[in-house]
């Protein structure tokens, strides 16, 4: 697959993902109501059952979670620390700094 086609596919995914996020935020509606509205706008009628939007939404949410938390099951994808590990490290640093300040130690 050529680079231009890959860029085009990724661009469409990002465009529609951003549109979905903006519509969800601005309308402050449930996802099922948003899907029904999108089906009505695009198809002119509501969808009878789960369709491509629900499938891609579920796929996007799950892949986003896997990428963000850097885990799939018990396996780590990369050696980078996860957001939780970073927060725990920051918390430990804050506790250590507080304990030093309470005991009168200076840096």
PDB file of N, CA and C in Angstrom:
ATOM      1  N   UNK A   1       0.855  -1.167   0.000  1.00  0.00           N
ATOM      2  CA  UNK A   1       0.000   0.000   0.000  1.00  0.00           C
ATOM      3  C   UNK A   1       0.902   1.232   0.000  1.00  0.00           C
ATOM      4  N   UNK A   2       0.600   2.184  -0.845  1.00  0.00           N
ATOM      5  CA  UNK A   2       1.475   3.350  -0.955  1.00  0.00           C
ATOM      6  C   UNK A   2       1.311   4.279   0.246  1.00  0.00           C
ATOM      7  N   UNK A   3       2.297   5.116   0.432  1.00  0.00           N
ATOM      8  CA  UNK A   3       2.294   6.049   1.552  1.00  0.00           C
ATOM      9  C   UNK A   3       1.130   7.034   1.461  1.00  0.00           C
ATOM     10  N   UNK A   4       0.798   7.469   0.254  1.00  0.00           N
ATOM     11  CA  UNK A   4      -0.293   8.433   0.080  1.00  0.00           C
ATOM     12  C   UNK A   4      -1.629   7.833   0.501  1.00  0.00           C
ATOM     13  N   UNK A   5      -1.849   6.573   0.187  1.00  0.00           N
ATOM     14  CA  UNK A   5      -3.098   5.918   0.573  1.00  0.00           C
ATOM     15  C   UNK A   5      -3.159   5.767   2.090  1.00  0.00           C
ATOM     16  N   UNK A   6      -2.035   5.402   2.705  1.00  0.00           N
ATOM     17  CA  UNK A   6      -1.986   5.280   4.157  1.00  0.00           C
ATOM     18  C   UNK A   6      -2.289   6.613   4.825  1.00  0.00           C
ATOM     19  N   UNK A   7      -1.700   7.689   4.313  1.00  0.00           N
ATOM     20  CA  UNK A   7      -1.945   9.017   4.867  1.00  0.00           C
ATOM     21  C   UNK A   7      -3.406   9.397   4.709  1.00  0.00           C
ATOM     22  N   UNK A   8      -3.990   9.087   3.573  1.00  0.00           N
ATOM     23  CA  UNK A   8      -5.397   9.389   3.327  1.00  0.00           C
ATOM     24  C   UNK A   8      -6.306   8.627   4.287  1.00  0.00           C
ATOM     25  N   UNK A   9      -6.033   7.352   4.500  1.00  0.00           N
ATOM     26  CA  UNK A   9      -6.841   6.540   5.419  1.00  0.00           C
ATOM     27  C   UNK A   9      -6.736   7.077   6.846  1.00  0.00           C
ATOM     28  N   UNK A  10      -5.518   7.355   7.294  1.00  0.00           N
ATOM     29  CA  UNK A  10      -5.326   7.882   8.643  1.00  0.00           C
ATOM     30  C   UNK A  10      -5.990   9.252   8.778  1.00  0.00           C
ATOM     31  N   UNK A  11      -5.907  10.079   7.751  1.00  0.00           N
ATOM     32  CA  UNK A  11      -6.542  11.393   7.783  1.00  0.00           C
ATOM     33  C   UNK A  11      -8.050  11.280   7.938  1.00  0.00           C
ATOM     34  N   UNK A  12      -8.666  10.359   7.213  1.00  0.00           N
ATOM     35  CA  UNK A  12     -10.111  10.168   7.345  1.00  0.00           C
ATOM     36  C   UNK A  12     -10.475   9.654   8.739  1.00  0.00           C
ATOM     37  N   UNK A  13      -9.685   8.739   9.258  1.00  0.00           N
ATOM     38  CA  UNK A  13      -9.954   8.219  10.605  1.00  0.00           C
ATOM     39  C   UNK A  13      -9.875   9.345  11.630  1.00  0.00           C
ATOM     40  N   UNK A  14      -8.848  10.172  11.546  1.00  0.00           N
ATOM     41  CA  UNK A  14      -8.681  11.277  12.478  1.00  0.00           C
ATOM     42  C   UNK A  14      -9.806  12.296  12.305  1.00  0.00           C
ATOM     43  N   UNK A  15     -10.160  12.603  11.068  1.00  0.00           N
ATOM     44  CA  UNK A  15     -11.224  13.563  10.805  1.00  0.00           C
ATOM     45  C   UNK A  15     -12.545  13.102  11.410  1.00  0.00           C
ATOM     46  N   UNK A  16     -12.936  11.867  11.132  1.00  0.00           N
ATOM     47  CA  UNK A  16     -14.206  11.367  11.648  1.00  0.00           C
ATOM     48  C   UNK A  16     -14.152  11.161  13.166  1.00  0.00           C
ATOM     49  N   UNK A  17     -13.012  10.775  13.700  1.00  0.00           N
ATOM     50  CA  UNK A  17     -12.874  10.648  15.145  1.00  0.00           C
ATOM     51  C   UNK A  17     -13.010  11.995  15.840  1.00  0.00           C
ATOM     52  N   UNK A  18     -12.387  13.011  15.270  1.00  0.00           N
ATOM     53  CA  UNK A  18     -12.494  14.354  15.847  1.00  0.00           C
ATOM     54  C   UNK A  18     -13.929  14.869  15.735  1.00  0.00           C
ATOM     55  N   UNK A  19     -14.568  14.621  14.610  1.00  0.00           N
ATOM     56  CA  UNK A  19     -15.964  15.045  14.444  1.00  0.00           C
ATOM     57  C   UNK A  19     -16.858  14.365  15.471  1.00  0.00           C
ATOM     58  N   UNK A  20     -16.641  13.084  15.684  1.00  0.00           N
ATOM     59  CA  UNK A  20     -17.426  12.346  16.668  1.00  0.00           C
ATOM     60  C   UNK A  20     -17.214  12.912  18.068  1.00  0.00           C
ATOM     61  N   UNK A  21     -15.960  13.184  18.420  1.00  0.00           N
ATOM     62  CA  UNK A  21     -15.650  13.722  19.745  1.00  0.00           C
ATOM     63  C   UNK A  21     -16.287  15.095  19.943  1.00  0.00           C
ATOM     64  N   UNK A  22     -16.205  15.941  18.945  1.00  0.00           N
ATOM     65  CA  UNK A  22     -16.780  17.280  19.043  1.00  0.00           C
ATOM     66  C   UNK A  22     -18.295  17.208  19.165  1.00  0.00           C
ATOM     67  N   UNK A  23     -18.918  16.369  18.359  1.00  0.00           N
ATOM     68  CA  UNK A  23     -20.374  16.240  18.421  1.00  0.00           C
ATOM     69  C   UNK A  23     -20.802  15.685  19.772  1.00  0.00           C
ATOM     70  N   UNK A  24     -20.095  14.717  20.284  1.00  0.00           N
ATOM     71  CA  UNK A  24     -20.431  14.146  21.593  1.00  0.00           C
ATOM     72  C   UNK A  24     -20.298  15.188  22.695  1.00  0.00           C
ATOM     73  N   UNK A  25     -19.228  15.949  22.639  1.00  0.00           N
ATOM     74  CA  UNK A  25     -18.997  16.951  23.673  1.00  0.00           C
ATOM     75  C   UNK A  25     -20.017  18.075  23.595  1.00  0.00           C
ATOM     76  N   UNK A  26     -20.211  18.627  22.395  1.00  0.00           N
ATOM     77  CA  UNK A  26     -21.089  19.781  22.243  1.00  0.00           C
ATOM     78  C   UNK A  26     -22.555  19.449  22.483  1.00  0.00           C
ATOM     79  N   UNK A  27     -22.983  18.310  22.092  1.00  0.00           N
ATOM     80  CA  UNK A  27     -24.385  17.948  22.244  1.00  0.00           C
ATOM     81  C   UNK A  27     -24.698  17.374  23.624  1.00  0.00           C
ATOM     82  N   UNK A  28     -23.679  16.851  24.297  1.00  0.00           N
ATOM     83  CA  UNK A  28     -23.838  16.259  25.618  1.00  0.00           C
ATOM     84  C   UNK A  28     -24.988  15.254  25.646  1.00  0.00           C
ATOM     85  N   UNK A  29     -24.875  14.282  24.732  1.00  0.00           N
ATOM     86  CA  UNK A  29     -25.899  13.247  24.625  1.00  0.00           C
ATOM     87  C   UNK A  29     -25.266  11.890  24.846  1.00  0.00           C
ATOM     88  N   UNK A  30     -26.096  10.900  25.046  1.00  0.00           N
ATOM     89  CA  UNK A  30     -25.610   9.524  25.162  1.00  0.00           C
ATOM     90  C   UNK A  30     -25.115   9.057  23.797  1.00  0.00           C
ATOM     91  N   UNK A  31     -24.194   8.131  23.791  1.00  0.00           N
ATOM     92  CA  UNK A  31     -23.615   7.647  22.543  1.00  0.00           C
ATOM     93  C   UNK A  31     -24.679   6.992  21.661  1.00  0.00           C
ATOM     94  N   UNK A  32     -25.591   6.260  22.257  1.00  0.00           N
ATOM     95  CA  UNK A  32     -26.628   5.606  21.441  1.00  0.00           C
ATOM     96  C   UNK A  32     -27.508   6.639  20.749  1.00  0.00           C
ATOM     97  N   UNK A  33     -27.829   7.729  21.440  1.00  0.00           N
ATOM     98  CA  UNK A  33     -28.606   8.796  20.804  1.00  0.00           C
ATOM     99  C   UNK A  33     -27.818   9.447  19.674  1.00  0.00           C
ATOM    100  N   UNK A  34     -26.515   9.628  19.893  1.00  0.00           N
ATOM    101  CA  UNK A  34     -25.666  10.199  18.853  1.00  0.00           C
ATOM    102  C   UNK A  34     -25.606   9.286  17.641  1.00  0.00           C
ATOM    103  N   UNK A  35     -25.464   7.982  17.866  1.00  0.00           N
ATOM    104  CA  UNK A  35     -25.440   7.038  16.748  1.00  0.00           C
ATOM    105  C   UNK A  35     -26.751   7.074  15.974  1.00  0.00           C
ATOM    106  N   UNK A  36     -27.868   7.118  16.685  1.00  0.00           N
ATOM    107  CA  UNK A  36     -29.162   7.189  16.006  1.00  0.00           C
ATOM    108  C   UNK A  36     -29.259   8.452  15.160  1.00  0.00           C
ATOM    109  N   UNK A  37     -28.772   9.569  15.704  1.00  0.00           N
ATOM    110  CA  UNK A  37     -28.789  10.824  14.948  1.00  0.00           C
ATOM    111  C   UNK A  37     -27.895  10.733  13.709  1.00  0.00           C
ATOM    112  N   UNK A  38     -26.712  10.152  13.852  1.00  0.00           N
ATOM    113  CA  UNK A  38     -25.815  10.005  12.705  1.00  0.00           C
ATOM    114  C   UNK A  38     -26.418   9.108  11.635  1.00  0.00           C
ATOM    115  N   UNK A  39     -27.024   7.992  12.055  1.00  0.00           N
ATOM    116  CA  UNK A  39     -27.682   7.119  11.083  1.00  0.00           C
ATOM    117  C   UNK A  39     -28.798   7.870  10.363  1.00  0.00           C
ATOM    118  N   UNK A  40     -29.548   8.675  11.096  1.00  0.00           N
ATOM    119  CA  UNK A  40     -30.645   9.443  10.492  1.00  0.00           C
ATOM    120  C   UNK A  40     -30.106  10.447   9.485  1.00  0.00           C
ATOM    121  N   UNK A  41     -29.016  11.127   9.827  1.00  0.00           N
ATOM    122  CA  UNK A  41     -28.438  12.122   8.929  1.00  0.00           C
ATOM    123  C   UNK A  41     -27.866  11.468   7.677  1.00  0.00           C
ATOM    124  N   UNK A  42     -27.111  10.390   7.858  1.00  0.00           N
ATOM    125  CA  UNK A  42     -26.407   9.776   6.735  1.00  0.00           C
ATOM    126  C   UNK A  42     -27.340   8.904   5.889  1.00  0.00           C
ATOM    127  N   UNK A  43     -28.121   8.058   6.539  1.00  0.00           N
ATOM    128  CA  UNK A  43     -28.942   7.091   5.816  1.00  0.00           C
ATOM    129  C   UNK A  43     -30.371   7.572   5.578  1.00  0.00           C
ATOM    130  N   UNK A  44     -30.791   8.566   6.318  1.00  0.00           N
ATOM    131  CA  UNK A  44     -32.162   9.033   6.190  1.00  0.00           C
ATOM    132  C   UNK A  44     -33.137   8.242   7.036  1.00  0.00           C
ATOM    133  N   UNK A  45     -32.658   7.221   7.713  1.00  0.00           N
ATOM    134  CA  UNK A  45     -33.490   6.404   8.596  1.00  0.00           C
ATOM    135  C   UNK A  45     -32.620   5.837   9.702  1.00  0.00           C
ATOM    136  N   UNK A  46     -33.244   5.464  10.789  1.00  0.00           N
ATOM    137  CA  UNK A  46     -32.498   4.900  11.910  1.00  0.00           C
ATOM    138  C   UNK A  46     -32.048   3.481  11.622  1.00  0.00           C
ATOM    139  N   UNK A  47     -31.021   3.059  12.310  1.00  0.00           N
ATOM    140  CA  UNK A  47     -30.517   1.690  12.153  1.00  0.00           C
ATOM    141  C   UNK A  47     -31.353   0.746  13.005  1.00  0.00           C
ATOM    142  N   UNK A  48     -31.597  -0.423  12.500  1.00  0.00           N
ATOM    143  CA  UNK A  48     -32.393  -1.415  13.219  1.00  0.00           C
ATOM    144  C   UNK A  48     -31.595  -2.091  14.335  1.00  0.00           C
ATOM    145  N   UNK A  49     -30.340  -2.344  14.094  1.00  0.00           N
ATOM    146  CA  UNK A  49     -29.509  -3.027  15.087  1.00  0.00           C
ATOM    147  C   UNK A  49     -28.124  -2.388  15.093  1.00  0.00           C
ATOM    148  N   UNK A  50     -27.223  -2.990  15.830  1.00  0.00           N
ATOM    149  CA  UNK A  50     -25.854  -2.470  15.888  1.00  0.00           C
ATOM    150  C   UNK A  50     -25.244  -2.459  14.502  1.00  0.00           C
ATOM    151  N   UNK A  51     -24.561  -1.372  14.202  1.00  0.00           N
ATOM    152  CA  UNK A  51     -23.966  -1.221  12.888  1.00  0.00           C
ATOM    153  C   UNK A  51     -22.487  -0.938  12.958  1.00  0.00           C
ATOM    154  N   UNK A  52     -21.998  -0.363  11.879  1.00  0.00           N
ATOM    155  CA  UNK A  52     -20.567  -0.103  11.750  1.00  0.00           C
ATOM    156  C   UNK A  52     -20.098   0.942  12.766  1.00  0.00           C
ATOM    157  N   UNK A  53     -20.941   1.903  13.103  1.00  0.00           N
ATOM    158  CA  UNK A  53     -20.535   2.918  14.080  1.00  0.00           C
ATOM    159  C   UNK A  53     -20.257   2.305  15.443  1.00  0.00           C
ATOM    160  N   UNK A  54     -21.142   1.441  15.892  1.00  0.00           N
ATOM    161  CA  UNK A  54     -20.942   0.809  17.192  1.00  0.00           C
ATOM    162  C   UNK A  54     -19.692  -0.061  17.198  1.00  0.00           C
ATOM    163  N   UNK A  55     -19.473  -0.775  16.108  1.00  0.00           N
ATOM    164  CA  UNK A  55     -18.289  -1.640  16.004  1.00  0.00           C
ATOM    165  C   UNK A  55     -17.007  -0.811  16.035  1.00  0.00           C
ATOM    166  N   UNK A  56     -16.941   0.245  15.217  1.00  0.00           N
ATOM    167  CA  UNK A  56     -15.727   1.049  15.172  1.00  0.00           C
ATOM    168  C   UNK A  56     -15.521   1.819  16.477  1.00  0.00           C
ATOM    169  N   UNK A  57     -16.610   2.222  17.123  1.00  0.00           N
ATOM    170  CA  UNK A  57     -16.510   2.901  18.413  1.00  0.00           C
ATOM    171  C   UNK A  57     -15.886   1.960  19.447  1.00  0.00           C
ATOM    172  N   UNK A  58     -16.399   0.740  19.521  1.00  0.00           N
ATOM    173  CA  UNK A  58     -15.861  -0.235  20.468  1.00  0.00           C
ATOM    174  C   UNK A  58     -14.402  -0.561  20.163  1.00  0.00           C
ATOM    175  N   UNK A  59     -14.081  -0.714  18.889  1.00  0.00           N
ATOM    176  CA  UNK A  59     -12.704  -1.000  18.481  1.00  0.00           C
ATOM    177  C   UNK A  59     -11.783   0.167  18.834  1.00  0.00           C
ATOM    178  N   UNK A  60     -12.244   1.386  18.575  1.00  0.00           N
ATOM    179  CA  UNK A  60     -11.429   2.566  18.871  1.00  0.00           C
ATOM    180  C   UNK A  60     -11.198   2.758  20.351  1.00  0.00           C
ATOM    181  N   UNK A  61     -12.241   2.571  21.145  1.00  0.00           N
ATOM    182  CA  UNK A  61     -12.096   2.719  22.600  1.00  0.00           C
ATOM    183  C   UNK A  61     -11.117   1.684  23.146  1.00  0.00           C
ATOM    184  N   UNK A  62     -11.290   0.435  22.738  1.00  0.00           N
ATOM    185  CA  UNK A  62     -10.413  -0.618  23.266  1.00  0.00           C
ATOM    186  C   UNK A  62      -8.967  -0.437  22.818  1.00  0.00           C
ATOM    187  N   UNK A  63      -8.749  -0.085  21.555  1.00  0.00           N
ATOM    188  CA  UNK A  63      -7.365   0.113  21.102  1.00  0.00           C
ATOM    189  C   UNK A  63      -6.749   1.345  21.758  1.00  0.00           C
ATOM    190  N   UNK A  64      -7.537   2.391  21.987  1.00  0.00           N
ATOM    191  CA  UNK A  64      -7.029   3.573  22.670  1.00  0.00           C
ATOM    192  C   UNK A  64      -6.606   3.276  24.090  1.00  0.00           C
ATOM    193  N   UNK A  65      -7.383   2.467  24.771  1.00  0.00           N
ATOM    194  CA  UNK A  65      -7.047   2.079  26.142  1.00  0.00           C
ATOM    195  C   UNK A  65      -5.765   1.255  26.162  1.00  0.00           C
ATOM    196  N   UNK A  66      -5.646   0.328  25.237  1.00  0.00           N
ATOM    197  CA  UNK A  66      -4.441  -0.509  25.171  1.00  0.00           C
ATOM    198  C   UNK A  66      -3.211   0.342  24.911  1.00  0.00           C
ATOM    199  N   UNK A  67      -3.295   1.281  23.966  1.00  0.00           N
ATOM    200  CA  UNK A  67      -2.156   2.134  23.644  1.00  0.00           C
ATOM    201  C   UNK A  67      -1.826   3.054  24.815  1.00  0.00           C
ATOM    202  N   UNK A  68      -2.859   3.663  25.430  1.00  0.00           N
ATOM    203  CA  UNK A  68      -2.623   4.612  26.517  1.00  0.00           C
ATOM    204  C   UNK A  68      -2.006   3.937  27.733  1.00  0.00           C
ATOM    205  N   UNK A  69      -2.539   2.794  28.126  1.00  0.00           N
ATOM    206  CA  UNK A  69      -2.051   2.137  29.330  1.00  0.00           C
ATOM    207  C   UNK A  69      -0.900   1.173  29.065  1.00  0.00           C
ATOM    208  N   UNK A  70      -0.545   0.972  27.793  1.00  0.00           N
ATOM    209  CA  UNK A  70       0.650   0.217  27.427  1.00  0.00           C
ATOM    210  C   UNK A  70       0.603  -1.228  27.918  1.00  0.00           C
ATOM    211  N   UNK A  71      -0.583  -1.790  28.017  1.00  0.00           N
ATOM    212  CA  UNK A  71      -0.738  -3.175  28.451  1.00  0.00           C
ATOM    213  C   UNK A  71      -1.794  -3.871  27.610  1.00  0.00           C
ATOM    214  N   UNK A  72      -1.588  -5.136  27.382  1.00  0.00           N
ATOM    215  CA  UNK A  72      -2.621  -5.990  26.815  1.00  0.00           C
ATOM    216  C   UNK A  72      -2.599  -7.266  27.642  1.00  0.00           C
ATOM    217  N   UNK A  73      -3.588  -7.424  28.490  1.00  0.00           N
ATOM    218  CA  UNK A  73      -3.554  -8.530  29.442  1.00  0.00           C
ATOM    219  C   UNK A  73      -2.459  -8.257  30.452  1.00  0.00           C
ATOM    220  N   UNK A  74      -1.616  -9.219  30.673  1.00  0.00           N
ATOM    221  CA  UNK A  74      -0.491  -9.055  31.585  1.00  0.00           C
ATOM    222  C   UNK A  74       0.794  -8.676  30.870  1.00  0.00           C
ATOM    223  N   UNK A  75       0.728  -8.509  29.547  1.00  0.00           N
ATOM    224  CA  UNK A  75       1.922  -8.189  28.773  1.00  0.00           C
ATOM    225  C   UNK A  75       2.034  -6.690  28.556  1.00  0.00           C
ATOM    226  N   UNK A  76       3.225  -6.188  28.749  1.00  0.00           N
ATOM    227  CA  UNK A  76       3.521  -4.792  28.480  1.00  0.00           C
ATOM    228  C   UNK A  76       3.937  -4.670  27.018  1.00  0.00           C
ATOM    229  N   UNK A  77       3.405  -3.678  26.313  1.00  0.00           N
ATOM    230  CA  UNK A  77       3.706  -3.513  24.890  1.00  0.00           C
ATOM    231  C   UNK A  77       5.095  -2.918  24.705  1.00  0.00           C
ATOM    232  N   UNK A  78       5.395  -1.850  25.440  1.00  0.00           N
ATOM    233  CA  UNK A  78       6.703  -1.198  25.381  1.00  0.00           C
ATOM    234  C   UNK A  78       7.289  -1.165  26.785  1.00  0.00           C
ATOM    235  N   UNK A  79       8.552  -0.815  26.890  1.00  0.00           N
ATOM    236  CA  UNK A  79       9.205  -0.728  28.194  1.00  0.00           C
ATOM    237  C   UNK A  79       8.936   0.594  28.896  1.00  0.00           C
ATOM    238  N   UNK A  80       8.243   1.521  28.236  1.00  0.00           N
ATOM    239  CA  UNK A  80       7.928   2.811  28.837  1.00  0.00           C
ATOM    240  C   UNK A  80       7.030   2.616  30.050  1.00  0.00           C
ATOM    241  N   UNK A  81       7.148   3.484  31.041  1.00  0.00           N
ATOM    242  CA  UNK A  81       6.261   3.375  32.204  1.00  0.00           C
ATOM    243  C   UNK A  81       4.832   3.756  31.830  1.00  0.00           C
ATOM    244  N   UNK A  82       3.882   3.161  32.513  1.00  0.00           N
ATOM    245  CA  UNK A  82       2.479   3.479  32.273  1.00  0.00           C
ATOM    246  C   UNK A  82       2.119   4.765  33.017  1.00  0.00           C
ATOM    247  N   UNK A  83       1.004   5.403  32.660  1.00  0.00           N
ATOM    248  CA  UNK A  83       0.592   6.610  33.393  1.00  0.00           C
ATOM    249  C   UNK A  83       0.418   6.351  34.888  1.00  0.00           C
ATOM    250  N   UNK A  84      -0.080   5.184  35.252  1.00  0.00           N
ATOM    251  CA  UNK A  84      -0.255   4.857  36.667  1.00  0.00           C
ATOM    252  C   UNK A  84       1.102   4.750  37.371  1.00  0.00           C
ATOM    253  N   UNK A  85       2.081   4.140  36.712  1.00  0.00           N
ATOM    254  CA  UNK A  85       3.409   4.032  37.310  1.00  0.00           C
ATOM    255  C   UNK A  85       4.037   5.412  37.495  1.00  0.00           C
ATOM    256  N   UNK A  86       3.819   6.305  36.551  1.00  0.00           N
ATOM    257  CA  UNK A  86       4.357   7.665  36.669  1.00  0.00           C
ATOM    258  C   UNK A  86       3.704   8.392  37.834  1.00  0.00           C
ATOM    259  N   UNK A  87       2.391   8.285  37.942  1.00  0.00           N
ATOM    260  CA  UNK A  87       1.685   8.933  39.049  1.00  0.00           C
ATOM    261  C   UNK A  87       2.119   8.366  40.401  1.00  0.00           C
ATOM    262  N   UNK A  88       2.315   7.068  40.477  1.00  0.00           N
ATOM    263  CA  UNK A  88       2.769   6.460  41.727  1.00  0.00           C
ATOM    264  C   UNK A  88       4.180   6.936  42.084  1.00  0.00           C
ATOM    265  N   UNK A  89       5.042   7.082  41.083  1.00  0.00           N
ATOM    266  CA  UNK A  89       6.385   7.591  41.325  1.00  0.00           C
ATOM    267  C   UNK A  89       6.313   9.029  41.829  1.00  0.00           C
ATOM    268  N   UNK A  90       5.459   9.865  41.188  1.00  0.00           N
ATOM    269  CA  UNK A  90       5.299  11.250  41.627  1.00  0.00           C
ATOM    270  C   UNK A  90       4.757  11.310  43.057  1.00  0.00           C
ATOM    271  N   UNK A  91       3.806  10.444  43.356  1.00  0.00           N
ATOM    272  CA  UNK A  91       3.249  10.395  44.710  1.00  0.00           C
ATOM    273  C   UNK A  91       4.330  10.040  45.733  1.00  0.00           C
ATOM    274  N   UNK A  92       5.152   9.055  45.403  1.00  0.00           N
ATOM    275  CA  UNK A  92       6.226   8.657  46.311  1.00  0.00           C
ATOM    276  C   UNK A  92       7.215   9.795  46.515  1.00  0.00           C
ATOM    277  N   UNK A  93       7.515  10.521  45.443  1.00  0.00           N
ATOM    278  CA  UNK A  93       8.407  11.684  45.566  1.00  0.00           C
ATOM    279  C   UNK A  93       7.795  12.748  46.464  1.00  0.00           C
ATOM    280  N   UNK A  94       6.495  12.996  46.331  1.00  0.00           N
ATOM    281  CA  UNK A  94       5.805  13.975  47.176  1.00  0.00           C
ATOM    282  C   UNK A  94       5.811  13.547  48.645  1.00  0.00           C
ATOM    283  N   UNK A  95       5.571  12.261  48.896  1.00  0.00           N
ATOM    284  CA  UNK A  95       5.587  11.758  50.269  1.00  0.00           C
ATOM    285  C   UNK A  95       6.983  11.901  50.861  1.00  0.00           C
ATOM    286  N   UNK A  96       7.990  11.536  50.114  1.00  0.00           N
ATOM    287  CA  UNK A  96       9.370  11.650  50.585  1.00  0.00           C
ATOM    288  C   UNK A  96       9.720  13.101  50.885  1.00  0.00           C
ATOM    289  N   UNK A  97       9.335  14.002  49.988  1.00  0.00           N
ATOM    290  CA  UNK A  97       9.611  15.432  50.188  1.00  0.00           C
ATOM    291  C   UNK A  97       8.883  15.958  51.428  1.00  0.00           C
ATOM    292  N   UNK A  98       7.646  15.540  51.617  1.00  0.00           N
ATOM    293  CA  UNK A  98       6.877  15.967  52.793  1.00  0.00           C
ATOM    294  C   UNK A  98       7.516  15.447  54.080  1.00  0.00           C
ATOM    295  N   UNK A  99       7.941  14.190  54.079  1.00  0.00           N
ATOM    296  CA  UNK A  99       8.561  13.613  55.269  1.00  0.00           C
ATOM    297  C   UNK A  99       9.857  14.339  55.623  1.00  0.00           C
ATOM    298  N   UNK A 100      10.609  14.724  54.604  1.00  0.00           N
ATOM    299  CA  UNK A 100      11.843  15.476  54.854  1.00  0.00           C
ATOM    300  C   UNK A 100      11.522  16.836  55.464  1.00  0.00           C
ATOM    301  N   UNK A 101      10.496  17.510  54.940  1.00  0.00           N
ATOM    302  CA  UNK A 101      10.151  18.835  55.447  1.00  0.00           C
ATOM    303  C   UNK A 101       9.590  18.752  56.875  1.00  0.00           C
ATOM    304  N   UNK A 102       8.888  17.688  57.204  1.00  0.00           N
ATOM    305  CA  UNK A 102       8.328  17.515  58.554  1.00  0.00           C
ATOM    306  C   UNK A 102       9.410  17.189  59.569  1.00  0.00           C
ATOM    307  N   UNK A 103      10.444  16.477  59.132  1.00  0.00           N
ATOM    308  CA  UNK A 103      11.506  16.104  60.079  1.00  0.00           C
ATOM    309  C   UNK A 103      12.548  17.199  60.220  1.00  0.00           C
ATOM    310  N   UNK A 104      12.408  18.279  59.444  1.00  0.00           N
ATOM    311  CA  UNK A 104      13.337  19.394  59.579  1.00  0.00           C
ATOM    312  C   UNK A 104      14.545  19.297  58.699  1.00  0.00           C
ATOM    313  N   UNK A 105      14.611  18.281  57.864  1.00  0.00           N
ATOM    314  CA  UNK A 105      15.740  18.150  56.945  1.00  0.00           C
ATOM    315  C   UNK A 105      15.576  19.157  55.826  1.00  0.00           C
ATOM    316  N   UNK A 106      16.679  19.680  55.342  1.00  0.00           N
ATOM    317  CA  UNK A 106      16.636  20.586  54.181  1.00  0.00           C
ATOM    318  C   UNK A 106      17.376  19.939  53.035  1.00  0.00           C
ATOM    319  N   UNK A 107      17.045  20.421  51.863  1.00  0.00           N
ATOM    320  CA  UNK A 107      17.659  19.809  50.666  1.00  0.00           C
ATOM    321  C   UNK A 107      18.999  20.386  50.348  1.00  0.00           C
TER     322      UNK A 107
END
